[in-house]
Amino acid sequence: MSVEVYLADLRATHKNNIFSKIRRLLKSIGLEHGVDKGALTGIKLHFGEEGNASFIRPILVRPVAEMVAACGGKPFVTDTNTLYVGSRSDAVSHLETAARHGFDLNVLGAPVLIADGLRGNSTRTVEVGLRHFETVKIAAEIVNADTLVVLTHFKGHGLTGFGGALKNLGMGCAGREGKLAQHSNLGPKVVRKRCVGCGHCREWCPVGAITLDPESGKAKISDEICIGCGECIVVCPQKAVNIRWNQTIPAFQEKMVEHAYGACKNKRERCFFINFVLQVSPACDCYGHNDMPIVADIGLLAATDPVALDQACADLVLAAPGMPGSALGDDLEPGTDKFRRIYPGVDWQWQLAYAEEIGLGTRKYELRRI
């Protein structure tokens, strides 16, 4: 059985702009039925790493907060701390970064809080009983929220092909322990003939697992210290760090999806999703930069089913012509698998198939334009 996914394109008039379209999307997916009077409603998004500019603009979050409030709820805007060391790895730095990016009460119409506490260890244990985990560690205030509205910048990602609602739920709602559990099977390796010993990966590594060999000058990764976060893979300018492709990517995606299952388990009927298919950058907003988009802006899509929503967004990106000059190179024809083009070793469909298998949603959808 298919579910409805709603699409709002970016055509606008003075009576029908992007803000009114966001409200119509939320109405279409029944937000008012999931927000009771006084309901503490988390608006989950990504504030963007320092130096990144492709995250969802805070002024686009305000109509969501206003509509939650109009339904009688109490909205708050939230995210969790990162596994790696950066501008969002503790709540103080995270809130400072969010404020610099425009996420504050005056702009949003809702307060900002970090869902997993000061150091990322404020979590709740959620029973899931799935293939990899019996229980998962989810940020405390995600579990405590009565309702969840998940706003996601849809873009590429080095471990999942694309980052959509499932990643925002699974990785984005996990505490630090949950994030580490998801990454624990990833073991990157250095391709020595490509490595030039620049040390960039060593500087980026959050746990000091990378050293430069004193004889060859090449990078070395300690399997004993490495936490499998995968950051070195993307930051290497020579593309000299690869994942060992021994089923690690499928396992990572399954673990992420199991955390997504746990993040909304106690409120599945009160979870609502909007994907912003705008400025579709080839990599995650966790990086301190963003490359040019791989396709032109498509619009905003909304659903109560994160699986159908991500499937619809991926289909639209694949169907669109590629952006000249982007990371796609010369392979710009409509229908090209753009995520496999950028990350040839990553099967992005695995996350969708597994999410459907465990009952988190369906890949079958009907696209309705509003």
Protein backbone atom coordinates (compact mmCIF):
# COMPACT_ATOMS: atom_id res chain seq x y z
CA MET A 1 0.00 0.00 0.00
CA SER A 2 1.41 3.39 -1.00
CA VAL A 3 1.42 6.56 1.11
CA GLU A 4 1.00 10.17 0.11
CA VAL A 5 4.04 12.40 -0.27
CA TYR A 6 3.32 16.09 -0.86
CA LEU A 7 5.50 18.30 -3.06
CA ALA A 8 5.63 22.08 -3.04
CA ASP A 9 7.69 23.53 -5.88
CA LEU A 10 9.40 26.90 -5.64
CA ARG A 11 7.15 28.90 -7.93
CA ALA A 12 5.73 31.77 -5.92
CA THR A 13 3.42 34.77 -5.98
CA HIS A 14 2.79 37.45 -3.38
CA LYS A 15 -0.14 35.33 -2.15
CA ASN A 16 1.59 31.97 -2.30
CA ASN A 17 5.22 32.15 -1.19
CA ILE A 18 7.49 29.54 0.36
CA PHE A 19 6.24 30.31 3.88
CA SER A 20 2.62 29.68 2.98
CA LYS A 21 3.67 26.50 1.19
CA ILE A 22 5.39 25.22 4.33
CA ARG A 23 2.16 25.77 6.26
CA ARG A 24 0.15 23.97 3.57
CA LEU A 25 2.55 21.04 3.64
CA LEU A 26 2.17 20.70 7.41
CA LYS A 27 -1.59 20.93 7.09
CA SER A 28 -1.58 18.31 4.32
CA ILE A 29 0.23 15.79 6.53
CA GLY A 30 -2.09 16.45 9.48
CA LEU A 31 0.14 18.28 11.94
CA GLU A 32 -2.85 19.59 13.88
CA HIS A 33 -3.88 16.00 14.71
CA GLY A 34 -0.48 15.23 16.25
CA VAL A 35 -0.05 18.29 18.44
CA ASP A 36 -2.17 18.30 21.59
CA LYS A 37 -2.59 21.36 23.74
CA GLY A 38 0.62 21.93 25.64
CA ALA A 39 2.49 19.25 23.67
CA LEU A 40 6.26 19.73 23.90
CA THR A 41 7.14 19.56 20.22
CA GLY A 42 10.71 19.11 19.03
CA ILE A 43 11.59 20.61 15.67
CA LYS A 44 14.63 18.51 14.75
CA LEU A 45 17.10 19.92 12.25
CA HIS A 46 20.82 20.45 11.59
CA PHE A 47 22.34 23.82 12.54
CA GLY A 48 25.29 23.37 10.17
CA GLU A 49 28.98 23.09 10.99
CA GLU A 50 30.97 26.32 11.22
CA GLY A 51 31.90 27.32 7.65
CA ASN A 52 28.97 25.48 6.07
CA ALA A 53 26.18 27.47 4.41
CA SER A 54 23.86 24.84 2.92
CA PHE A 55 21.81 24.10 6.06
CA ILE A 56 18.11 25.00 6.19
CA ARG A 57 17.71 28.75 6.67
CA PRO A 58 16.29 29.65 10.08
CA ILE A 59 13.59 31.89 8.59
CA LEU A 60 12.15 28.76 6.96
CA VAL A 61 11.86 27.12 10.37
CA ARG A 62 9.79 29.93 11.87
CA PRO A 63 6.50 29.04 10.09
CA VAL A 64 6.85 25.51 11.46
CA ALA A 65 7.22 26.82 15.02
CA GLU A 66 4.33 29.21 14.49
CA MET A 67 2.05 26.44 13.24
CA VAL A 68 2.95 24.18 16.18
CA ALA A 69 2.10 27.05 18.52
CA ALA A 70 -1.16 27.71 16.65
CA CYS A 71 -2.10 24.06 17.26
CA GLY A 72 -1.58 24.61 20.99
CA GLY A 73 1.85 23.03 21.22
CA LYS A 74 5.07 24.31 22.76
CA PRO A 75 7.76 24.18 20.05
CA PHE A 76 11.49 23.94 20.63
CA VAL A 77 14.22 23.67 17.99
CA THR A 78 16.82 21.01 18.60
CA ASP A 79 19.76 18.91 17.44
CA THR A 80 22.31 16.60 19.06
CA ASN A 81 26.05 16.96 19.59
CA THR A 82 28.49 15.44 17.11
CA LEU A 83 30.71 12.40 17.54
CA TYR A 84 33.69 14.18 15.99
CA VAL A 85 35.43 17.23 17.46
CA GLY A 86 34.15 20.38 15.79
CA SER A 87 31.99 23.43 16.33
CA ARG A 88 29.03 21.33 17.56
CA SER A 89 30.65 18.68 19.76
CA ASP A 90 29.36 20.05 23.08
CA ALA A 91 26.23 22.00 23.92
CA VAL A 92 28.01 25.29 24.60
CA SER A 93 29.87 25.30 21.26
CA HIS A 94 26.80 23.92 19.52
CA LEU A 95 24.53 26.71 20.78
CA GLU A 96 27.13 29.32 19.88
CA THR A 97 27.34 27.93 16.34
CA ALA A 98 23.57 27.79 16.05
CA ALA A 99 23.29 31.43 17.13
CA ARG A 100 25.95 32.52 14.62
CA HIS A 101 23.94 30.77 11.92
CA GLY A 102 20.79 32.64 12.89
CA PHE A 103 19.05 30.01 15.02
CA ASP A 104 17.76 31.93 18.02
CA LEU A 105 14.45 32.72 19.66
CA ASN A 106 13.91 36.03 17.88
CA VAL A 107 14.25 34.48 14.43
CA LEU A 108 12.66 31.09 15.07
CA GLY A 109 9.84 31.99 17.40
CA ALA A 110 10.93 29.05 19.56
CA PRO A 111 13.82 28.37 21.96
CA VAL A 112 16.84 26.27 20.97
CA LEU A 113 18.12 23.39 23.08
CA ILE A 114 20.56 20.55 22.57
CA ALA A 115 18.71 17.27 22.94
CA ASP A 116 21.52 15.14 24.38
CA GLY A 117 22.85 17.55 26.97
CA LEU A 118 26.12 19.27 27.66
CA ARG A 119 28.45 16.51 26.47
CA GLY A 120 26.19 14.29 24.37
CA ASN A 121 25.59 11.72 27.10
CA SER A 122 22.09 12.70 28.19
CA THR A 123 20.23 9.77 26.63
CA ARG A 124 17.38 7.33 27.12
CA THR A 125 17.59 3.61 26.40
CA VAL A 126 14.92 2.55 23.89
CA GLU A 127 14.11 -1.10 23.26
CA VAL A 128 13.99 -2.00 19.56
CA GLY A 129 14.80 -5.74 19.35
CA LEU A 130 16.21 -5.60 15.83
CA ARG A 131 19.04 -7.24 13.89
CA HIS A 132 21.96 -5.30 15.35
CA PHE A 133 20.58 -3.84 18.58
CA GLU A 134 18.21 -4.91 21.32
CA THR A 135 18.31 -1.35 22.65
CA VAL A 136 19.53 2.00 21.28
CA LYS A 137 20.68 5.20 22.97
CA ILE A 138 18.53 8.14 21.87
CA ALA A 139 18.90 11.77 23.00
CA ALA A 140 16.81 12.31 26.11
CA GLU A 141 14.81 15.28 24.88
CA ILE A 142 13.95 13.50 21.62
CA VAL A 143 12.41 10.69 23.65
CA ASN A 144 10.80 13.13 26.09
CA ALA A 145 9.16 15.23 23.37
CA ASP A 146 5.47 14.59 22.82
CA THR A 147 5.64 15.33 19.08
CA LEU A 148 8.49 15.51 16.59
CA VAL A 149 8.71 17.57 13.41
CA VAL A 150 11.81 16.56 11.44
CA LEU A 151 13.17 19.13 8.99
CA THR A 152 15.93 17.78 6.77
CA HIS A 153 18.23 19.31 4.19
CA PHE A 154 18.33 16.59 1.54
CA LYS A 155 21.87 16.19 0.20
CA GLY A 156 24.60 13.67 -0.59
CA HIS A 157 26.47 11.73 2.08
CA GLY A 158 29.64 9.64 2.02
CA LEU A 159 28.27 6.70 4.02
CA THR A 160 24.60 6.62 3.02
CA GLY A 161 24.74 8.05 -0.53
CA PHE A 162 22.24 10.69 0.49
CA GLY A 163 21.27 12.20 3.80
CA GLY A 164 17.52 12.43 4.26
CA ALA A 165 14.89 12.02 6.95
CA LEU A 166 16.17 8.57 7.96
CA LYS A 167 19.65 9.90 8.63
CA ASN A 168 18.28 12.92 10.48
CA LEU A 169 16.32 10.52 12.68
CA GLY A 170 18.91 7.78 13.10
CA MET A 171 22.21 9.62 13.33
CA GLY A 172 20.79 13.01 14.26
CA CYS A 173 18.68 11.83 17.20
CA ALA A 174 21.23 9.48 18.77
CA GLY A 175 23.39 10.46 21.71
CA ARG A 176 27.16 10.12 21.43
CA GLU A 177 27.05 6.47 22.54
CA GLY A 178 24.45 5.74 19.87
CA LYS A 179 26.47 7.48 17.19
CA LEU A 180 29.56 5.50 18.12
CA ALA A 181 27.61 2.23 18.05
CA GLN A 182 26.49 2.98 14.50
CA HIS A 183 30.00 3.77 13.27
CA SER A 184 31.80 0.97 15.11
CA ASN A 185 31.99 -1.39 12.13
CA LEU A 186 33.65 1.09 9.77
CA GLY A 187 37.37 0.54 9.28
CA PRO A 188 39.04 2.97 6.86
CA LYS A 189 42.36 2.18 5.21
CA VAL A 190 45.04 4.32 3.56
CA VAL A 191 45.88 3.72 -0.09
CA ARG A 192 49.62 4.30 0.21
CA LYS A 193 50.31 5.08 -3.43
CA ARG A 194 47.87 7.99 -3.28
CA CYS A 195 48.86 9.35 0.13
CA VAL A 196 51.22 12.35 -0.02
CA GLY A 197 51.63 12.68 3.73
CA CYS A 198 49.90 16.06 3.99
CA GLY A 199 48.58 15.23 7.45
CA HIS A 200 45.12 16.66 6.82
CA CYS A 201 43.43 13.44 7.94
CA ARG A 202 45.55 13.39 11.09
CA GLU A 203 44.48 16.93 11.99
CA TRP A 204 40.80 16.07 11.43
CA CYS A 205 40.74 12.75 13.32
CA PRO A 206 38.77 13.28 16.57
CA VAL A 207 40.59 10.56 18.54
CA GLY A 208 44.19 10.73 17.29
CA ALA A 209 44.02 7.39 15.48
CA ILE A 210 46.08 8.63 12.52
CA THR A 211 49.84 9.14 12.51
CA LEU A 212 52.44 9.74 9.81
CA ASP A 213 54.95 6.92 9.35
CA PRO A 214 58.41 8.35 10.15
CA GLU A 215 60.05 6.39 7.34
CA SER A 216 57.60 6.72 4.45
CA GLY A 217 55.79 9.87 5.55
CA LYS A 218 52.48 8.15 4.72
CA ALA A 219 49.42 8.19 6.95
CA LYS A 220 48.69 5.18 9.17
CA ILE A 221 45.40 4.41 10.93
CA SER A 222 45.38 2.52 14.21
CA ASP A 223 42.58 -0.06 14.23
CA GLU A 224 42.76 -0.13 18.04
CA ILE A 225 42.08 3.61 18.39
CA CYS A 226 39.84 4.29 15.36
CA ILE A 227 36.16 4.79 16.22
CA GLY A 228 35.01 4.39 12.62
CA CYS A 229 33.51 7.86 12.23
CA GLY A 230 34.62 7.96 8.58
CA GLU A 231 35.54 11.66 8.62
CA CYS A 232 39.03 11.01 7.20
CA ILE A 233 37.52 9.47 4.08
CA VAL A 234 35.89 12.67 2.92
CA VAL A 235 38.49 15.21 4.10
CA CYS A 236 41.46 13.59 2.33
CA PRO A 237 42.27 15.86 -0.65
CA GLN A 238 44.01 12.97 -2.45
CA LYS A 239 41.12 10.51 -1.91
CA ALA A 240 43.69 8.22 -0.34
CA VAL A 241 41.48 6.95 2.49
CA ASN A 242 38.89 4.32 1.66
CA ILE A 243 36.49 2.16 3.64
CA ARG A 244 37.19 -1.55 3.71
CA TRP A 245 34.23 -2.70 1.63
CA ASN A 246 33.50 -5.85 3.64
CA GLN A 247 29.79 -5.25 4.27
CA THR A 248 30.58 -2.28 6.48
CA ILE A 249 28.41 0.24 4.64
CA PRO A 250 25.25 -1.92 4.63
CA ALA A 251 25.78 -2.68 8.33
CA PHE A 252 26.23 1.02 9.10
CA GLN A 253 23.03 1.90 7.25
CA GLU A 254 21.11 -0.81 9.07
CA LYS A 255 22.39 0.40 12.43
CA MET A 256 21.43 3.96 11.54
CA VAL A 257 17.93 2.84 10.56
CA GLU A 258 17.53 0.92 13.83
CA HIS A 259 18.31 4.13 15.71
CA ALA A 260 15.77 5.94 13.52
CA TYR A 261 13.24 3.32 14.58
CA GLY A 262 14.10 3.98 18.21
CA ALA A 263 13.96 7.76 17.85
CA CYS A 264 10.28 7.78 16.98
CA LYS A 265 9.14 4.54 18.62
CA ASN A 266 7.14 6.17 21.42
CA LYS A 267 5.47 8.70 19.12
CA ARG A 268 5.30 7.16 15.65
CA GLU A 269 1.84 8.63 14.99
CA ARG A 270 3.08 12.04 16.11
CA CYS A 271 6.10 12.35 13.83
CA PHE A 272 6.03 14.63 10.79
CA PHE A 273 8.67 15.11 8.14
CA ILE A 274 9.67 17.79 5.63
CA ASN A 275 12.68 17.38 3.33
CA PHE A 276 14.13 20.54 1.82
CA VAL A 277 15.45 19.51 -1.60
CA LEU A 278 17.28 22.80 -1.99
CA GLN A 279 20.98 23.43 -2.54
CA VAL A 280 21.54 19.68 -2.86
CA SER A 281 25.22 19.61 -1.97
CA PRO A 282 27.25 16.44 -2.57
CA ALA A 283 28.24 16.05 1.09
CA CYS A 284 26.80 16.43 4.59
CA ASP A 285 26.30 19.76 6.39
CA CYS A 286 28.66 18.40 9.07
CA TYR A 287 31.62 19.64 7.03
CA GLY A 288 32.99 23.14 7.40
CA HIS A 289 32.30 23.88 3.75
CA ASN A 290 29.70 23.04 1.12
CA ASP A 291 30.34 22.32 -2.54
CA MET A 292 28.03 23.62 -5.26
CA PRO A 293 24.68 21.82 -5.72
CA ILE A 294 24.53 18.76 -7.96
CA VAL A 295 21.03 19.61 -9.27
CA ALA A 296 18.87 22.70 -9.39
CA ASP A 297 16.52 23.33 -6.47
CA ILE A 298 13.51 21.01 -6.64
CA GLY A 299 11.27 22.05 -3.76
CA LEU A 300 9.95 20.88 -0.40
CA LEU A 301 8.44 17.45 0.22
CA ALA A 302 6.45 16.34 3.25
CA ALA A 303 5.02 13.08 4.60
CA THR A 304 4.31 11.18 7.79
CA ASP A 305 6.40 8.29 6.43
CA PRO A 306 10.18 8.97 6.36
CA VAL A 307 10.89 6.02 4.07
CA ALA A 308 8.46 7.07 1.35
CA LEU A 309 9.65 10.65 1.71
CA ASP A 310 13.32 9.79 1.22
CA GLN A 311 12.48 7.52 -1.71
CA ALA A 312 10.50 10.29 -3.40
CA CYS A 313 13.29 12.83 -2.89
CA ALA A 314 15.91 10.45 -4.25
CA ASP A 315 13.76 9.71 -7.29
CA LEU A 316 13.33 13.42 -8.04
CA VAL A 317 17.06 14.10 -7.73
CA LEU A 318 17.89 11.19 -10.03
CA ALA A 319 15.31 12.34 -12.58
CA ALA A 320 16.68 15.90 -12.67
CA PRO A 321 19.50 16.98 -15.00
CA GLY A 322 22.84 17.36 -13.25
CA MET A 323 24.36 20.76 -12.55
CA PRO A 324 27.23 21.66 -14.92
CA GLY A 325 30.48 22.21 -13.07
CA SER A 326 29.38 20.20 -10.04
CA ALA A 327 30.94 17.11 -8.45
CA LEU A 328 29.03 15.00 -11.00
CA GLY A 329 31.60 15.85 -13.68
CA ASP A 330 30.27 15.26 -17.19
CA ASP A 331 27.61 12.71 -16.24
CA LEU A 332 24.67 15.12 -16.17
CA GLU A 333 21.89 13.25 -17.98
CA PRO A 334 18.48 13.01 -16.30
CA GLY A 335 18.06 9.56 -14.80
CA THR A 336 21.71 9.19 -13.82
CA ASP A 337 22.20 7.81 -10.31
CA LYS A 338 23.86 10.92 -8.99
CA PHE A 339 24.58 9.51 -5.55
CA ARG A 340 26.35 6.44 -6.96
CA ARG A 341 28.22 8.74 -9.35
CA ILE A 342 29.70 10.64 -6.39
CA TYR A 343 29.98 7.65 -4.03
CA PRO A 344 30.33 4.58 -6.29
CA GLY A 345 30.89 2.20 -3.39
CA VAL A 346 27.72 3.18 -1.52
CA ASP A 347 24.35 1.57 -2.20
CA TRP A 348 21.97 4.25 -0.90
CA GLN A 349 18.94 2.02 -1.43
CA TRP A 350 20.03 -0.31 1.36
CA GLN A 351 18.80 2.06 4.08
CA LEU A 352 15.38 2.32 2.42
CA ALA A 353 15.00 -1.41 1.95
CA TYR A 354 15.94 -2.17 5.55
CA ALA A 355 13.71 0.57 6.94
CA GLU A 356 10.83 -0.93 5.00
CA GLU A 357 11.74 -4.42 6.22
CA ILE A 358 11.55 -3.45 9.91
CA GLY A 359 8.26 -1.61 9.48
CA LEU A 360 9.47 1.98 9.70
CA GLY A 361 7.64 2.85 6.47
CA THR A 362 7.13 1.91 2.84
CA ARG A 363 8.97 2.79 -0.36
CA LYS A 364 5.69 2.95 -2.28
CA TYR A 365 4.28 6.44 -2.57
CA GLU A 366 1.96 8.70 -4.52
CA LEU A 367 3.35 12.15 -5.21
CA ARG A 368 0.82 14.93 -4.79
CA ARG A 369 1.61 18.53 -5.72
CA ILE A 370 0.16 21.31 -3.64
